[in-house]
Amino acid sequence: MKSSSAGIFNLISLVFLVLTLGAVFIVITRLAGPPAQVQEVADIPTIAALPTLTPSNTPTNTQPPTFTFTPTDTLTPTNTYTASPLPTLSPTITDTPSATFTPSNTPTPSISPSPTPTATSTAPTNTPEPTLSPFLFELRDNQVIFTENFQNRASVGCAWQGIAGQVFDENGSPLNGLRVHVFGGDVDRTVTSGDNTLIGASGWEVPVDNKINGNTYQVELMSAVGTIVSQRITVTFAQDCSKNLALVNFRRTRPN
């Protein structure tokens, strides 16, 4: 808007300038024209008495005429340009919706409940397999048998205490030549199965004291060359004269 108003005032000033130059041009043209013709006056005879000149009260205008220019046309701008601010373009991202699959309604068949039969278990009973021992021999019947001394007639009653037993194969047949190691307290002895046939065909015996006590001893079976072939069996006496003999029998679990 300020730019438009300044243009209008500049145009009006230009018009006044042109009109002023035109007026100046007219004045200069009048002044530069040919002088007015002077009519010749006839000789007037000399009069003795000069006439008295009475000045006229009407002054003679010798100044050039002054032109006053009154503009009649008012320039009114017809084209008014109003600058409108440019709109701010915001990008609009429209996601194109993907096709939506609407499954058709599938009728669910109505199933009438049937009588529930009585469940009869037909599954076989799983019998856990016995865990194989890493040793070739184990304690027969998994127990130590305490009884009264019956084989050592030299020491009867409470004047003797010992450990004895036998060694069998997997079929129950006696095995001789295996070494039995008994240790604990003041005892550390090794004997061979089959040395004491009073206990049995593969019998062995280790006396541990000449009186009853409540000590604990360890018994393990070894091969003829000294390889341990059974786990250690713990024997603890009860200080009872009727249980002063502990029977520890070994049985082989599988063939060699």
C-alpha atoms as a PDB file:
ATOM      1  CA  MET A   1       0.000   0.000   0.000  1.00  0.00           C
ATOM      2  CA  LYS A   2       2.881   2.427   0.715  1.00  0.00           C
ATOM      3  CA  SER A   3       4.331   1.733  -2.698  1.00  0.00           C
ATOM      4  CA  SER A   4       0.988   2.566  -4.428  1.00  0.00           C
ATOM      5  CA  SER A   5       0.525   5.884  -2.534  1.00  0.00           C
ATOM      6  CA  ALA A   6       4.040   7.014  -3.416  1.00  0.00           C
ATOM      7  CA  GLY A   7       3.367   6.292  -7.093  1.00  0.00           C
ATOM      8  CA  ILE A   8       0.191   8.446  -7.085  1.00  0.00           C
ATOM      9  CA  PHE A   9       1.967  11.430  -5.494  1.00  0.00           C
ATOM     10  CA  ASN A  10       4.830  11.155  -7.961  1.00  0.00           C
ATOM     11  CA  LEU A  11       2.337  11.221 -10.854  1.00  0.00           C
ATOM     12  CA  ILE A  12       0.573  14.358  -9.533  1.00  0.00           C
ATOM     13  CA  SER A  13       3.927  16.130  -9.082  1.00  0.00           C
ATOM     14  CA  LEU A  14       4.865  15.289 -12.661  1.00  0.00           C
ATOM     15  CA  VAL A  15       1.596  16.831 -13.987  1.00  0.00           C
ATOM     16  CA  PHE A  16       2.221  20.081 -12.069  1.00  0.00           C
ATOM     17  CA  LEU A  17       5.744  20.244 -13.411  1.00  0.00           C
ATOM     18  CA  VAL A  18       4.531  19.883 -17.011  1.00  0.00           C
ATOM     19  CA  LEU A  19       1.862  22.599 -16.568  1.00  0.00           C
ATOM     20  CA  THR A  20       4.379  25.007 -15.022  1.00  0.00           C
ATOM     21  CA  LEU A  21       6.810  24.505 -17.885  1.00  0.00           C
ATOM     22  CA  GLY A  22       3.955  25.184 -20.348  1.00  0.00           C
ATOM     23  CA  ALA A  23       3.093  28.472 -18.613  1.00  0.00           C
ATOM     24  CA  VAL A  24       6.720  29.605 -18.648  1.00  0.00           C
ATOM     25  CA  PHE A  25       6.933  28.761 -22.335  1.00  0.00           C
ATOM     26  CA  ILE A  26       3.876  30.925 -23.151  1.00  0.00           C
ATOM     27  CA  VAL A  27       5.303  33.910 -21.241  1.00  0.00           C
ATOM     28  CA  ILE A  28       8.655  33.644 -22.997  1.00  0.00           C
ATOM     29  CA  THR A  29       6.887  33.423 -26.391  1.00  0.00           C
ATOM     30  CA  ARG A  30       4.935  36.647 -25.724  1.00  0.00           C
ATOM     31  CA  LEU A  31       8.013  38.550 -24.645  1.00  0.00           C
ATOM     32  CA  ALA A  32      10.068  37.421 -27.595  1.00  0.00           C
ATOM     33  CA  GLY A  33       7.432  38.414 -30.217  1.00  0.00           C
ATOM     34  CA  PRO A  34       7.659  41.554 -32.573  1.00  0.00           C
ATOM     35  CA  PRO A  35       7.194  44.968 -30.875  1.00  0.00           C
ATOM     36  CA  ALA A  36       3.893  46.811 -31.233  1.00  0.00           C
ATOM     37  CA  GLN A  37       3.647  49.196 -34.222  1.00  0.00           C
ATOM     38  CA  VAL A  38       4.072  52.885 -33.342  1.00  0.00           C
ATOM     39  CA  GLN A  39       1.845  55.123 -35.355  1.00  0.00           C
ATOM     40  CA  GLU A  40       3.474  58.204 -36.688  1.00  0.00           C
ATOM     41  CA  VAL A  41       2.133  61.438 -35.114  1.00  0.00           C
ATOM     42  CA  ALA A  42       1.666  64.533 -37.327  1.00  0.00           C
ATOM     43  CA  ASP A  43       3.704  67.490 -36.526  1.00  0.00           C
ATOM     44  CA  ILE A  44       1.769  69.717 -34.204  1.00  0.00           C
ATOM     45  CA  PRO A  45       2.478  73.452 -34.419  1.00  0.00           C
ATOM     46  CA  THR A  46       4.231  74.986 -31.503  1.00  0.00           C
ATOM     47  CA  ILE A  47       1.849  76.422 -29.028  1.00  0.00           C
ATOM     48  CA  ALA A  48       2.997  79.212 -26.891  1.00  0.00           C
ATOM     49  CA  ALA A  49       1.361  78.004 -23.904  1.00  0.00           C
ATOM     50  CA  LEU A  50       2.139  74.378 -23.171  1.00  0.00           C
ATOM     51  CA  PRO A  51      -0.794  72.447 -22.038  1.00  0.00           C
ATOM     52  CA  THR A  52      -0.772  71.156 -18.491  1.00  0.00           C
ATOM     53  CA  LEU A  53      -0.640  67.403 -18.269  1.00  0.00           C
ATOM     54  CA  THR A  54      -3.031  65.956 -15.769  1.00  0.00           C
ATOM     55  CA  PRO A  55      -1.904  62.556 -14.612  1.00  0.00           C
ATOM     56  CA  SER A  56      -4.364  59.841 -14.988  1.00  0.00           C
ATOM     57  CA  ASN A  57      -5.358  57.924 -11.914  1.00  0.00           C
ATOM     58  CA  THR A  58      -5.565  54.721 -13.887  1.00  0.00           C
ATOM     59  CA  PRO A  59      -2.270  52.931 -13.626  1.00  0.00           C
ATOM     60  CA  THR A  60      -0.964  51.180 -16.638  1.00  0.00           C
ATOM     61  CA  ASN A  61      -0.271  47.538 -16.016  1.00  0.00           C
ATOM     62  CA  THR A  62       3.135  46.819 -17.362  1.00  0.00           C
ATOM     63  CA  GLN A  63       3.613  43.449 -15.621  1.00  0.00           C
ATOM     64  CA  PRO A  64       3.164  40.272 -17.596  1.00  0.00           C
ATOM     65  CA  PRO A  65      -0.062  38.426 -16.870  1.00  0.00           C
ATOM     66  CA  THR A  66       0.040  35.796 -14.211  1.00  0.00           C
ATOM     67  CA  PHE A  67      -1.548  32.465 -14.995  1.00  0.00           C
ATOM     68  CA  THR A  68      -3.036  30.435 -12.195  1.00  0.00           C
ATOM     69  CA  PHE A  69      -3.392  26.735 -12.978  1.00  0.00           C
ATOM     70  CA  THR A  70      -6.108  24.961 -11.164  1.00  0.00           C
ATOM     71  CA  PRO A  71      -6.003  21.233 -11.773  1.00  0.00           C
ATOM     72  CA  THR A  72      -9.417  19.880 -12.473  1.00  0.00           C
ATOM     73  CA  ASP A  73      -8.677  16.215 -12.921  1.00  0.00           C
ATOM     74  CA  THR A  74      -7.937  14.165  -9.853  1.00  0.00           C
ATOM     75  CA  LEU A  75      -6.106  11.010 -10.730  1.00  0.00           C
ATOM     76  CA  THR A  76      -7.722   8.160  -8.977  1.00  0.00           C
ATOM     77  CA  PRO A  77      -5.848   4.898  -9.287  1.00  0.00           C
ATOM     78  CA  THR A  78      -8.120   2.371 -10.789  1.00  0.00           C
ATOM     79  CA  ASN A  79      -6.010  -0.730 -10.305  1.00  0.00           C
ATOM     80  CA  THR A  80      -5.231  -1.302  -6.687  1.00  0.00           C
ATOM     81  CA  TYR A  81      -3.086  -4.341  -6.049  1.00  0.00           C
ATOM     82  CA  THR A  82      -3.287  -5.755  -2.624  1.00  0.00           C
ATOM     83  CA  ALA A  83      -0.602  -8.318  -1.947  1.00  0.00           C
ATOM     84  CA  SER A  84      -2.041 -11.271  -0.154  1.00  0.00           C
ATOM     85  CA  PRO A  85       0.312 -13.425   1.890  1.00  0.00           C
ATOM     86  CA  LEU A  86       1.109 -16.692   0.262  1.00  0.00           C
ATOM     87  CA  PRO A  87      -0.634 -19.584   1.932  1.00  0.00           C
ATOM     88  CA  THR A  88       1.556 -21.913   3.944  1.00  0.00           C
ATOM     89  CA  LEU A  89       1.517 -25.279   2.324  1.00  0.00           C
ATOM     90  CA  SER A  90       1.552 -28.110   4.810  1.00  0.00           C
ATOM     91  CA  PRO A  91       2.220 -31.461   3.244  1.00  0.00           C
ATOM     92  CA  THR A  92      -0.579 -33.814   3.994  1.00  0.00           C
ATOM     93  CA  ILE A  93       0.347 -37.457   3.828  1.00  0.00           C
ATOM     94  CA  THR A  94      -2.606 -39.648   3.379  1.00  0.00           C
ATOM     95  CA  ASP A  95      -2.029 -43.287   4.087  1.00  0.00           C
ATOM     96  CA  THR A  96      -3.648 -45.462   1.558  1.00  0.00           C
ATOM     97  CA  PRO A  97      -5.538 -48.014   3.580  1.00  0.00           C
ATOM     98  CA  SER A  98      -4.661 -51.550   2.729  1.00  0.00           C
ATOM     99  CA  ALA A  99      -7.316 -53.933   1.793  1.00  0.00           C
ATOM    100  CA  THR A 100      -9.032 -55.361   4.861  1.00  0.00           C
ATOM    101  CA  PHE A 101     -10.079 -58.906   4.588  1.00  0.00           C
ATOM    102  CA  THR A 102     -13.313 -59.557   6.387  1.00  0.00           C
ATOM    103  CA  PRO A 103     -13.814 -63.257   6.808  1.00  0.00           C
ATOM    104  CA  SER A 104     -17.229 -64.497   6.135  1.00  0.00           C
ATOM    105  CA  ASN A 105     -19.091 -66.005   8.982  1.00  0.00           C
ATOM    106  CA  THR A 106     -18.661 -69.730   8.895  1.00  0.00           C
ATOM    107  CA  PRO A 107     -21.447 -71.444  10.737  1.00  0.00           C
ATOM    108  CA  THR A 108     -20.150 -73.609  13.556  1.00  0.00           C
ATOM    109  CA  PRO A 109     -21.849 -76.963  13.489  1.00  0.00           C
ATOM    110  CA  SER A 110     -23.594 -77.777  16.696  1.00  0.00           C
ATOM    111  CA  ILE A 111     -22.387 -81.063  18.100  1.00  0.00           C
ATOM    112  CA  SER A 112     -24.622 -82.785  20.544  1.00  0.00           C
ATOM    113  CA  PRO A 113     -22.660 -84.128  23.479  1.00  0.00           C
ATOM    114  CA  SER A 114     -22.270 -87.846  23.381  1.00  0.00           C
ATOM    115  CA  PRO A 115     -22.102 -89.967  26.484  1.00  0.00           C
ATOM    116  CA  THR A 116     -18.633 -89.875  27.979  1.00  0.00           C
ATOM    117  CA  PRO A 117     -17.264 -93.379  28.100  1.00  0.00           C
ATOM    118  CA  THR A 118     -15.503 -94.517  31.198  1.00  0.00           C
ATOM    119  CA  ALA A 119     -11.791 -94.224  30.573  1.00  0.00           C
ATOM    120  CA  THR A 120      -9.947 -97.485  30.855  1.00  0.00           C
ATOM    121  CA  SER A 121      -6.234 -97.202  31.223  1.00  0.00           C
ATOM    122  CA  THR A 122      -4.523 -99.374  28.647  1.00  0.00           C
ATOM    123  CA  ALA A 123      -1.102 -97.759  28.893  1.00  0.00           C
ATOM    124  CA  PRO A 124       1.590-100.205  29.932  1.00  0.00           C
ATOM    125  CA  THR A 125       3.173 -99.667  33.287  1.00  0.00           C
ATOM    126  CA  ASN A 126       6.698 -98.403  32.850  1.00  0.00           C
ATOM    127  CA  THR A 127       8.997-100.312  35.100  1.00  0.00           C
ATOM    128  CA  PRO A 128      12.145 -98.320  35.689  1.00  0.00           C
ATOM    129  CA  GLU A 129      15.204-100.183  34.626  1.00  0.00           C
ATOM    130  CA  PRO A 130      17.709-100.800  37.368  1.00  0.00           C
ATOM    131  CA  THR A 131      20.629 -98.446  37.329  1.00  0.00           C
ATOM    132  CA  LEU A 132      23.832-100.224  36.498  1.00  0.00           C
ATOM    133  CA  SER A 133      26.448 -99.803  39.163  1.00  0.00           C
ATOM    134  CA  PRO A 134      29.865 -98.709  37.972  1.00  0.00           C
ATOM    135  CA  PHE A 135      31.246-101.544  40.097  1.00  0.00           C
ATOM    136  CA  LEU A 136      31.286-105.207  39.106  1.00  0.00           C
ATOM    137  CA  PHE A 137      30.286-106.371  42.626  1.00  0.00           C
ATOM    138  CA  GLU A 138      27.710-105.177  45.152  1.00  0.00           C
ATOM    139  CA  LEU A 139      26.565-106.007  48.678  1.00  0.00           C
ATOM    140  CA  ARG A 140      24.423-109.148  48.485  1.00  0.00           C
ATOM    141  CA  ASP A 141      20.802-108.503  49.462  1.00  0.00           C
ATOM    142  CA  ASN A 142      21.922-104.918  50.177  1.00  0.00           C
ATOM    143  CA  GLN A 143      22.417-105.602  53.867  1.00  0.00           C
ATOM    144  CA  VAL A 144      25.052-106.403  56.518  1.00  0.00           C
ATOM    145  CA  ILE A 145      23.984-109.286  58.773  1.00  0.00           C
ATOM    146  CA  PHE A 146      24.924-109.047  62.467  1.00  0.00           C
ATOM    147  CA  THR A 147      24.974-112.360  64.368  1.00  0.00           C
ATOM    148  CA  GLU A 148      26.749-114.088  67.227  1.00  0.00           C
ATOM    149  CA  ASN A 149      30.187-115.534  66.614  1.00  0.00           C
ATOM    150  CA  PHE A 150      29.785-119.139  65.556  1.00  0.00           C
ATOM    151  CA  GLN A 151      32.886-120.035  63.542  1.00  0.00           C
ATOM    152  CA  ASN A 152      35.762-118.926  65.780  1.00  0.00           C
ATOM    153  CA  ARG A 153      35.651-121.473  68.609  1.00  0.00           C
ATOM    154  CA  ALA A 154      38.829-120.148  70.146  1.00  0.00           C
ATOM    155  CA  SER A 155      37.104-116.967  71.242  1.00  0.00           C
ATOM    156  CA  VAL A 156      33.502-117.332  72.328  1.00  0.00           C
ATOM    157  CA  GLY A 157      31.148-114.890  73.977  1.00  0.00           C
ATOM    158  CA  CYS A 158      32.192-111.281  74.307  1.00  0.00           C
ATOM    159  CA  ALA A 159      35.936-111.973  74.016  1.00  0.00           C
ATOM    160  CA  TRP A 160      35.954-111.593  70.224  1.00  0.00           C
ATOM    161  CA  GLN A 161      34.604-109.289  67.438  1.00  0.00           C
ATOM    162  CA  GLY A 162      35.139-109.595  63.701  1.00  0.00           C
ATOM    163  CA  ILE A 163      33.901-109.240  60.117  1.00  0.00           C
ATOM    164  CA  ALA A 164      33.493-112.200  57.726  1.00  0.00           C
ATOM    165  CA  GLY A 165      31.636-113.162  54.549  1.00  0.00           C
ATOM    166  CA  GLN A 166      31.680-114.808  51.092  1.00  0.00           C
ATOM    167  CA  VAL A 167      31.948-113.808  47.416  1.00  0.00           C
ATOM    168  CA  PHE A 168      29.473-115.090  44.756  1.00  0.00           C
ATOM    169  CA  ASP A 169      29.038-114.697  41.012  1.00  0.00           C
ATOM    170  CA  GLU A 170      25.804-113.519  39.335  1.00  0.00           C
ATOM    171  CA  ASN A 171      24.410-117.085  39.491  1.00  0.00           C
ATOM    172  CA  GLY A 172      25.170-117.564  43.205  1.00  0.00           C
ATOM    173  CA  SER A 173      28.256-119.725  42.754  1.00  0.00           C
ATOM    174  CA  PRO A 174      31.217-119.051  45.098  1.00  0.00           C
ATOM    175  CA  LEU A 175      34.185-117.095  43.750  1.00  0.00           C
ATOM    176  CA  ASN A 176      37.639-117.585  45.234  1.00  0.00           C
ATOM    177  CA  GLY A 177      40.839-115.603  44.787  1.00  0.00           C
ATOM    178  CA  LEU A 178      39.345-112.095  45.249  1.00  0.00           C
ATOM    179  CA  ARG A 179      40.875-109.818  47.852  1.00  0.00           C
ATOM    180  CA  VAL A 180      38.867-108.284  50.718  1.00  0.00           C
ATOM    181  CA  HIS A 181      40.188-105.088  52.346  1.00  0.00           C
ATOM    182  CA  VAL A 182      38.986-104.232  55.899  1.00  0.00           C
ATOM    183  CA  PHE A 183      40.135-100.990  57.554  1.00  0.00           C
ATOM    184  CA  GLY A 184      39.089 -98.620  60.318  1.00  0.00           C
ATOM    185  CA  GLY A 185      40.229 -97.872  63.870  1.00  0.00           C
ATOM    186  CA  ASP A 186      43.417 -99.840  64.473  1.00  0.00           C
ATOM    187  CA  VAL A 187      42.631-102.381  61.740  1.00  0.00           C
ATOM    188  CA  ASP A 188      43.938-102.425  58.161  1.00  0.00           C
ATOM    189  CA  ARG A 189      44.019-105.977  56.776  1.00  0.00           C
ATOM    190  CA  THR A 190      43.532-107.685  53.420  1.00  0.00           C
ATOM    191  CA  VAL A 191      42.441-111.340  53.061  1.00  0.00           C
ATOM    192  CA  THR A 192      41.446-113.582  50.124  1.00  0.00           C
ATOM    193  CA  SER A 193      38.061-115.144  49.466  1.00  0.00           C
ATOM    194  CA  GLY A 194      38.170-118.925  50.052  1.00  0.00           C
ATOM    195  CA  ASP A 195      40.718-118.700  52.928  1.00  0.00           C
ATOM    196  CA  ASN A 196      38.157-119.569  55.668  1.00  0.00           C
ATOM    197  CA  THR A 197      35.891-122.417  54.608  1.00  0.00           C
ATOM    198  CA  LEU A 198      34.137-122.352  58.020  1.00  0.00           C
ATOM    199  CA  ILE A 199      32.224-119.372  56.685  1.00  0.00           C
ATOM    200  CA  GLY A 200      31.589-121.075  53.325  1.00  0.00           C
ATOM    201  CA  ALA A 201      33.285-122.276  50.128  1.00  0.00           C
ATOM    202  CA  SER A 202      34.467-118.726  49.328  1.00  0.00           C
ATOM    203  CA  GLY A 203      34.587-117.572  52.958  1.00  0.00           C
ATOM    204  CA  TRP A 204      36.909-115.000  54.467  1.00  0.00           C
ATOM    205  CA  GLU A 205      37.338-113.523  58.003  1.00  0.00           C
ATOM    206  CA  VAL A 206      39.054-110.507  59.625  1.00  0.00           C
ATOM    207  CA  PRO A 207      39.073-110.230  63.469  1.00  0.00           C
ATOM    208  CA  VAL A 208      38.896-106.571  64.560  1.00  0.00           C
ATOM    209  CA  ASP A 209      39.050-106.816  68.379  1.00  0.00           C
ATOM    210  CA  ASN A 210      39.314-109.305  71.274  1.00  0.00           C
ATOM    211  CA  LYS A 211      36.334-107.658  72.930  1.00  0.00           C
ATOM    212  CA  ILE A 212      33.123-105.968  71.765  1.00  0.00           C
ATOM    213  CA  ASN A 213      33.190-102.272  70.745  1.00  0.00           C
ATOM    214  CA  GLY A 214      31.061 -99.766  68.884  1.00  0.00           C
ATOM    215  CA  ASN A 215      33.615 -98.845  66.227  1.00  0.00           C
ATOM    216  CA  THR A 216      32.923 -98.316  62.529  1.00  0.00           C
ATOM    217  CA  TYR A 217      34.885-100.123  59.788  1.00  0.00           C
ATOM    218  CA  GLN A 218      35.017-100.028  55.963  1.00  0.00           C
ATOM    219  CA  VAL A 219      35.016-103.110  53.724  1.00  0.00           C
ATOM    220  CA  GLU A 220      35.790-103.156  49.985  1.00  0.00           C
ATOM    221  CA  LEU A 221      36.334-105.940  47.444  1.00  0.00           C
ATOM    222  CA  MET A 222      39.305-105.905  45.087  1.00  0.00           C
ATOM    223  CA  SER A 223      40.425-108.026  42.178  1.00  0.00           C
ATOM    224  CA  ALA A 224      43.416-110.361  42.450  1.00  0.00           C
ATOM    225  CA  VAL A 225      45.662-107.546  41.207  1.00  0.00           C
ATOM    226  CA  GLY A 226      44.276-104.935  43.619  1.00  0.00           C
ATOM    227  CA  THR A 227      41.653-103.141  41.496  1.00  0.00           C
ATOM    228  CA  ILE A 228      38.663-102.011  43.573  1.00  0.00           C
ATOM    229  CA  VAL A 229      35.559-103.761  42.161  1.00  0.00           C
ATOM    230  CA  SER A 230      32.903-102.771  44.740  1.00  0.00           C
ATOM    231  CA  GLN A 231      31.821 -99.713  46.648  1.00  0.00           C
ATOM    232  CA  ARG A 232      32.836 -99.352  50.277  1.00  0.00           C
ATOM    233  CA  ILE A 233      30.543-101.050  52.790  1.00  0.00           C
ATOM    234  CA  THR A 234      30.226 -99.365  56.203  1.00  0.00           C
ATOM    235  CA  VAL A 235      30.006-101.655  59.255  1.00  0.00           C
ATOM    236  CA  THR A 236      29.176-100.181  62.682  1.00  0.00           C
ATOM    237  CA  PHE A 237      28.981-102.516  65.705  1.00  0.00           C
ATOM    238  CA  ALA A 238      26.384-102.117  68.445  1.00  0.00           C
ATOM    239  CA  GLN A 239      28.562-103.298  71.416  1.00  0.00           C
ATOM    240  CA  ASP A 240      26.327-106.370  71.757  1.00  0.00           C
ATOM    241  CA  CYS A 241      27.827-109.796  72.457  1.00  0.00           C
ATOM    242  CA  SER A 242      25.052-111.445  70.441  1.00  0.00           C
ATOM    243  CA  LYS A 243      25.979-109.296  67.420  1.00  0.00           C
ATOM    244  CA  ASN A 244      29.747-109.431  67.522  1.00  0.00           C
ATOM    245  CA  LEU A 245      30.054-110.973  64.030  1.00  0.00           C
ATOM    246  CA  ALA A 246      29.228-108.885  60.929  1.00  0.00           C
ATOM    247  CA  LEU A 247      28.609-110.907  57.735  1.00  0.00           C
ATOM    248  CA  VAL A 248      29.425-108.965  54.520  1.00  0.00           C
ATOM    249  CA  ASN A 249      28.692-111.002  51.383  1.00  0.00           C
ATOM    250  CA  PHE A 250      29.527-109.758  47.864  1.00  0.00           C
ATOM    251  CA  ARG A 251      27.722-110.681  44.658  1.00  0.00           C
ATOM    252  CA  ARG A 252      28.848-110.047  41.094  1.00  0.00           C
ATOM    253  CA  THR A 253      26.278-107.979  39.130  1.00  0.00           C
ATOM    254  CA  ARG A 254      27.245-109.028  35.558  1.00  0.00           C
ATOM    255  CA  PRO A 255      29.726-111.219  33.713  1.00  0.00           C
ATOM    256  CA  ASN A 256      33.294-110.038  33.379  1.00  0.00           C
END
